[in-house]
């Protein structure tokens, strides 16, 4: 299919950014094109239409994933995972995360989420973001410094 060859890679990148999972992104994009093949809409399909379609599918997928998590956690308390995460020896709460989001740049914030929320290793983060492991370590050090400053200012937890 010409549309897939032409627009598939761009749509896959967009879906990956939204879903943070390559396999799920592939499923969403392939599902979109399967539906398009079945409808045979013709030449009226353009890139803006496809971007909107993949965005809506990703948002639906995220909503469904969130609902599945909620339903599973209601059934099984153990499936909830960690309620809080540790940054050095202190618990990182929502308030601290919100304050850190205002004080660190986008890359440091993304690394913080990958490391302390998604519990990824430095090597996994480096591979995912296309940076060196040393960059990940440096950016995490920046986040830790900012957290310490917030503690010193009384704005932590």
C-alpha atoms as a PDB file:
ATOM      1  CA  UNK A   1       0.000   0.000   0.000  1.00  0.00           C
ATOM      2  CA  UNK A   2       1.491   3.303  -1.131  1.00  0.00           C
ATOM      3  CA  UNK A   3       0.061   5.240   1.832  1.00  0.00           C
ATOM      4  CA  UNK A   4       1.789   2.925   4.285  1.00  0.00           C
ATOM      5  CA  UNK A   5       5.144   3.198   2.539  1.00  0.00           C
ATOM      6  CA  UNK A   6       4.824   6.961   2.319  1.00  0.00           C
ATOM      7  CA  UNK A   7       3.391   7.864   5.732  1.00  0.00           C
ATOM      8  CA  UNK A   8       3.900   4.772   7.899  1.00  0.00           C
ATOM      9  CA  UNK A   9       7.282   5.727   9.393  1.00  0.00           C
ATOM     10  CA  UNK A  10       6.090   9.215  10.405  1.00  0.00           C
ATOM     11  CA  UNK A  11       2.909   7.827  11.930  1.00  0.00           C
ATOM     12  CA  UNK A  12       4.878   5.157  13.773  1.00  0.00           C
ATOM     13  CA  UNK A  13       7.198   7.806  15.290  1.00  0.00           C
ATOM     14  CA  UNK A  14       4.199   9.858  16.419  1.00  0.00           C
ATOM     15  CA  UNK A  15       2.498   6.814  17.948  1.00  0.00           C
ATOM     16  CA  UNK A  16       5.741   5.802  19.715  1.00  0.00           C
ATOM     17  CA  UNK A  17       6.084   9.257  21.257  1.00  0.00           C
ATOM     18  CA  UNK A  18       2.527   9.110  22.528  1.00  0.00           C
ATOM     19  CA  UNK A  19       2.471   5.511  23.747  1.00  0.00           C
ATOM     20  CA  UNK A  20       6.130   5.132  24.785  1.00  0.00           C
ATOM     21  CA  UNK A  21       6.016   1.553  23.500  1.00  0.00           C
ATOM     22  CA  UNK A  22       7.168   0.532  20.030  1.00  0.00           C
ATOM     23  CA  UNK A  23       5.109  -2.663  19.855  1.00  0.00           C
ATOM     24  CA  UNK A  24       1.899  -0.907  20.872  1.00  0.00           C
ATOM     25  CA  UNK A  25       2.659   1.883  18.391  1.00  0.00           C
ATOM     26  CA  UNK A  26       3.082  -0.666  15.608  1.00  0.00           C
ATOM     27  CA  UNK A  27      -0.239  -2.256  16.521  1.00  0.00           C
ATOM     28  CA  UNK A  28      -2.037   1.090  16.444  1.00  0.00           C
ATOM     29  CA  UNK A  29      -0.563   2.165  13.085  1.00  0.00           C
ATOM     30  CA  UNK A  30      -1.124  -1.226  11.483  1.00  0.00           C
ATOM     31  CA  UNK A  31      -4.689  -1.275  12.781  1.00  0.00           C
ATOM     32  CA  UNK A  32      -5.284   2.106  11.185  1.00  0.00           C
ATOM     33  CA  UNK A  33      -4.054   0.909   7.811  1.00  0.00           C
ATOM     34  CA  UNK A  34      -6.025  -2.347   8.030  1.00  0.00           C
ATOM     35  CA  UNK A  35      -9.167  -0.298   8.618  1.00  0.00           C
ATOM     36  CA  UNK A  36      -8.277   1.984   5.703  1.00  0.00           C
ATOM     37  CA  UNK A  37      -7.802  -0.999   3.415  1.00  0.00           C
ATOM     38  CA  UNK A  38     -11.198  -2.372   4.373  1.00  0.00           C
ATOM     39  CA  UNK A  39     -12.899   0.985   3.751  1.00  0.00           C
ATOM     40  CA  UNK A  40     -11.006   1.736   0.519  1.00  0.00           C
ATOM     41  CA  UNK A  41     -11.449   5.481   0.937  1.00  0.00           C
ATOM     42  CA  UNK A  42      -9.381   6.290  -2.110  1.00  0.00           C
ATOM     43  CA  UNK A  43      -7.079   9.234  -2.845  1.00  0.00           C
ATOM     44  CA  UNK A  44      -8.784  11.631  -0.385  1.00  0.00           C
ATOM     45  CA  UNK A  45      -6.498  10.391   2.411  1.00  0.00           C
ATOM     46  CA  UNK A  46      -3.667  12.785   3.220  1.00  0.00           C
ATOM     47  CA  UNK A  47      -1.075  13.127   5.976  1.00  0.00           C
ATOM     48  CA  UNK A  48      -3.120  15.491   8.205  1.00  0.00           C
ATOM     49  CA  UNK A  49      -6.002  12.989   8.144  1.00  0.00           C
ATOM     50  CA  UNK A  50      -3.638  10.149   9.049  1.00  0.00           C
ATOM     51  CA  UNK A  51      -2.040  12.170  11.878  1.00  0.00           C
ATOM     52  CA  UNK A  52      -5.477  12.884  13.355  1.00  0.00           C
ATOM     53  CA  UNK A  53      -6.492   9.251  12.981  1.00  0.00           C
ATOM     54  CA  UNK A  54      -3.348   7.886  14.656  1.00  0.00           C
ATOM     55  CA  UNK A  55      -3.617  10.510  17.420  1.00  0.00           C
ATOM     56  CA  UNK A  56      -7.186   9.473  18.200  1.00  0.00           C
ATOM     57  CA  UNK A  57      -6.246   5.794  18.150  1.00  0.00           C
ATOM     58  CA  UNK A  58      -3.301   6.425  20.512  1.00  0.00           C
ATOM     59  CA  UNK A  59      -5.478   8.411  22.912  1.00  0.00           C
ATOM     60  CA  UNK A  60      -8.075   5.632  22.887  1.00  0.00           C
ATOM     61  CA  UNK A  61      -5.315   3.084  23.477  1.00  0.00           C
ATOM     62  CA  UNK A  62      -3.959   5.074  26.439  1.00  0.00           C
ATOM     63  CA  UNK A  63      -7.450   5.436  27.895  1.00  0.00           C
ATOM     64  CA  UNK A  64      -8.070   1.711  27.490  1.00  0.00           C
ATOM     65  CA  UNK A  65      -4.707   0.897  29.076  1.00  0.00           C
ATOM     66  CA  UNK A  66      -5.514   3.178  32.029  1.00  0.00           C
ATOM     67  CA  UNK A  67      -8.942   1.584  32.463  1.00  0.00           C
ATOM     68  CA  UNK A  68      -7.445  -1.903  32.302  1.00  0.00           C
ATOM     69  CA  UNK A  69      -4.977  -0.936  35.018  1.00  0.00           C
ATOM     70  CA  UNK A  70      -7.761   0.451  37.184  1.00  0.00           C
ATOM     71  CA  UNK A  71      -9.867  -2.662  36.768  1.00  0.00           C
ATOM     72  CA  UNK A  72      -6.973  -4.998  37.505  1.00  0.00           C
ATOM     73  CA  UNK A  73      -5.981  -3.030  40.612  1.00  0.00           C
ATOM     74  CA  UNK A  74      -9.528  -3.208  41.919  1.00  0.00           C
ATOM     75  CA  UNK A  75      -9.432  -6.990  41.590  1.00  0.00           C
ATOM     76  CA  UNK A  76      -5.920  -7.601  42.865  1.00  0.00           C
ATOM     77  CA  UNK A  77      -4.267  -5.236  45.335  1.00  0.00           C
ATOM     78  CA  UNK A  78      -0.826  -6.710  44.591  1.00  0.00           C
ATOM     79  CA  UNK A  79      -1.026  -5.714  40.932  1.00  0.00           C
ATOM     80  CA  UNK A  80      -0.815  -2.002  41.734  1.00  0.00           C
ATOM     81  CA  UNK A  81       2.967  -1.959  41.837  1.00  0.00           C
ATOM     82  CA  UNK A  82       4.950   0.578  43.807  1.00  0.00           C
ATOM     83  CA  UNK A  83       2.882   3.419  45.196  1.00  0.00           C
ATOM     84  CA  UNK A  84       5.935   5.646  45.543  1.00  0.00           C
ATOM     85  CA  UNK A  85       9.434   5.692  44.252  1.00  0.00           C
ATOM     86  CA  UNK A  86      12.715   6.583  45.928  1.00  0.00           C
ATOM     87  CA  UNK A  87      15.142   9.282  44.844  1.00  0.00           C
ATOM     88  CA  UNK A  88      18.278   8.514  46.805  1.00  0.00           C
ATOM     89  CA  UNK A  89      16.911   7.766  50.279  1.00  0.00           C
ATOM     90  CA  UNK A  90      13.752   9.818  50.181  1.00  0.00           C
ATOM     91  CA  UNK A  91      10.307   9.112  48.852  1.00  0.00           C
ATOM     92  CA  UNK A  92       9.327  11.141  45.828  1.00  0.00           C
ATOM     93  CA  UNK A  93       5.752  12.310  46.087  1.00  0.00           C
ATOM     94  CA  UNK A  94       3.559  14.042  43.548  1.00  0.00           C
ATOM     95  CA  UNK A  95       4.301  17.454  44.974  1.00  0.00           C
ATOM     96  CA  UNK A  96       8.058  17.016  44.583  1.00  0.00           C
ATOM     97  CA  UNK A  97       7.613  15.668  41.051  1.00  0.00           C
ATOM     98  CA  UNK A  98       5.498  18.681  40.135  1.00  0.00           C
ATOM     99  CA  UNK A  99       8.088  21.086  41.555  1.00  0.00           C
ATOM    100  CA  UNK A 100      10.921  19.234  39.822  1.00  0.00           C
ATOM    101  CA  UNK A 101       9.059  19.454  36.501  1.00  0.00           C
ATOM    102  CA  UNK A 102       9.202  23.246  36.798  1.00  0.00           C
ATOM    103  CA  UNK A 103      12.911  23.308  37.641  1.00  0.00           C
ATOM    104  CA  UNK A 104      14.546  20.851  35.237  1.00  0.00           C
ATOM    105  CA  UNK A 105      14.641  20.868  31.445  1.00  0.00           C
ATOM    106  CA  UNK A 106      12.616  18.507  29.273  1.00  0.00           C
ATOM    107  CA  UNK A 107      15.393  15.961  28.776  1.00  0.00           C
ATOM    108  CA  UNK A 108      16.122  15.718  32.516  1.00  0.00           C
ATOM    109  CA  UNK A 109      12.395  15.386  33.224  1.00  0.00           C
ATOM    110  CA  UNK A 110      12.046  12.596  30.666  1.00  0.00           C
ATOM    111  CA  UNK A 111      15.026  10.757  32.175  1.00  0.00           C
ATOM    112  CA  UNK A 112      13.561  11.219  35.669  1.00  0.00           C
ATOM    113  CA  UNK A 113      10.290   9.617  34.584  1.00  0.00           C
ATOM    114  CA  UNK A 114      12.040   6.736  32.852  1.00  0.00           C
ATOM    115  CA  UNK A 115      14.318   6.083  35.829  1.00  0.00           C
ATOM    116  CA  UNK A 116      12.021   6.558  38.807  1.00  0.00           C
ATOM    117  CA  UNK A 117       8.526   6.019  37.484  1.00  0.00           C
ATOM    118  CA  UNK A 118       9.131   3.420  34.766  1.00  0.00           C
ATOM    119  CA  UNK A 119      12.032   1.879  36.738  1.00  0.00           C
ATOM    120  CA  UNK A 120      14.320   1.643  33.701  1.00  0.00           C
ATOM    121  CA  UNK A 121      18.085   1.198  33.930  1.00  0.00           C
ATOM    122  CA  UNK A 122      20.547   3.786  32.684  1.00  0.00           C
ATOM    123  CA  UNK A 123      21.406   1.608  29.706  1.00  0.00           C
ATOM    124  CA  UNK A 124      17.723   1.210  28.778  1.00  0.00           C
ATOM    125  CA  UNK A 125      17.130   4.951  29.035  1.00  0.00           C
ATOM    126  CA  UNK A 126      20.208   5.738  26.941  1.00  0.00           C
ATOM    127  CA  UNK A 127      19.116   3.312  24.224  1.00  0.00           C
ATOM    128  CA  UNK A 128      15.548   4.631  24.215  1.00  0.00           C
ATOM    129  CA  UNK A 129      16.546   8.290  24.033  1.00  0.00           C
ATOM    130  CA  UNK A 130      19.521   7.853  21.736  1.00  0.00           C
ATOM    131  CA  UNK A 131      22.004   9.403  24.172  1.00  0.00           C
ATOM    132  CA  UNK A 132      25.025   8.031  25.993  1.00  0.00           C
ATOM    133  CA  UNK A 133      24.747   6.401  29.390  1.00  0.00           C
ATOM    134  CA  UNK A 134      27.039   9.127  30.722  1.00  0.00           C
ATOM    135  CA  UNK A 135      24.481  11.736  29.652  1.00  0.00           C
ATOM    136  CA  UNK A 136      21.782   9.843  31.534  1.00  0.00           C
ATOM    137  CA  UNK A 137      23.930   9.713  34.679  1.00  0.00           C
ATOM    138  CA  UNK A 138      24.711  13.448  34.429  1.00  0.00           C
ATOM    139  CA  UNK A 139      21.054  14.369  33.911  1.00  0.00           C
ATOM    140  CA  UNK A 140      20.008  12.231  36.902  1.00  0.00           C
ATOM    141  CA  UNK A 141      22.637  14.005  38.995  1.00  0.00           C
ATOM    142  CA  UNK A 142      21.036  17.303  37.954  1.00  0.00           C
ATOM    143  CA  UNK A 143      17.631  16.024  39.063  1.00  0.00           C
ATOM    144  CA  UNK A 144      19.029  14.883  42.409  1.00  0.00           C
ATOM    145  CA  UNK A 145      20.669  18.297  42.944  1.00  0.00           C
ATOM    146  CA  UNK A 146      17.392  20.052  42.222  1.00  0.00           C
ATOM    147  CA  UNK A 147      15.558  17.730  44.638  1.00  0.00           C
ATOM    148  CA  UNK A 148      18.104  18.544  47.345  1.00  0.00           C
ATOM    149  CA  UNK A 149      17.679  22.277  46.708  1.00  0.00           C
ATOM    150  CA  UNK A 150      13.929  21.880  47.023  1.00  0.00           C
ATOM    151  CA  UNK A 151      14.439  20.053  50.324  1.00  0.00           C
ATOM    152  CA  UNK A 152      16.690  22.804  51.564  1.00  0.00           C
ATOM    153  CA  UNK A 153      14.068  25.400  50.574  1.00  0.00           C
ATOM    154  CA  UNK A 154      11.374  23.401  52.355  1.00  0.00           C
ATOM    155  CA  UNK A 155       9.562  22.639  49.099  1.00  0.00           C
ATOM    156  CA  UNK A 156      10.067  18.888  48.895  1.00  0.00           C
ATOM    157  CA  UNK A 157       7.802  15.895  49.548  1.00  0.00           C
END
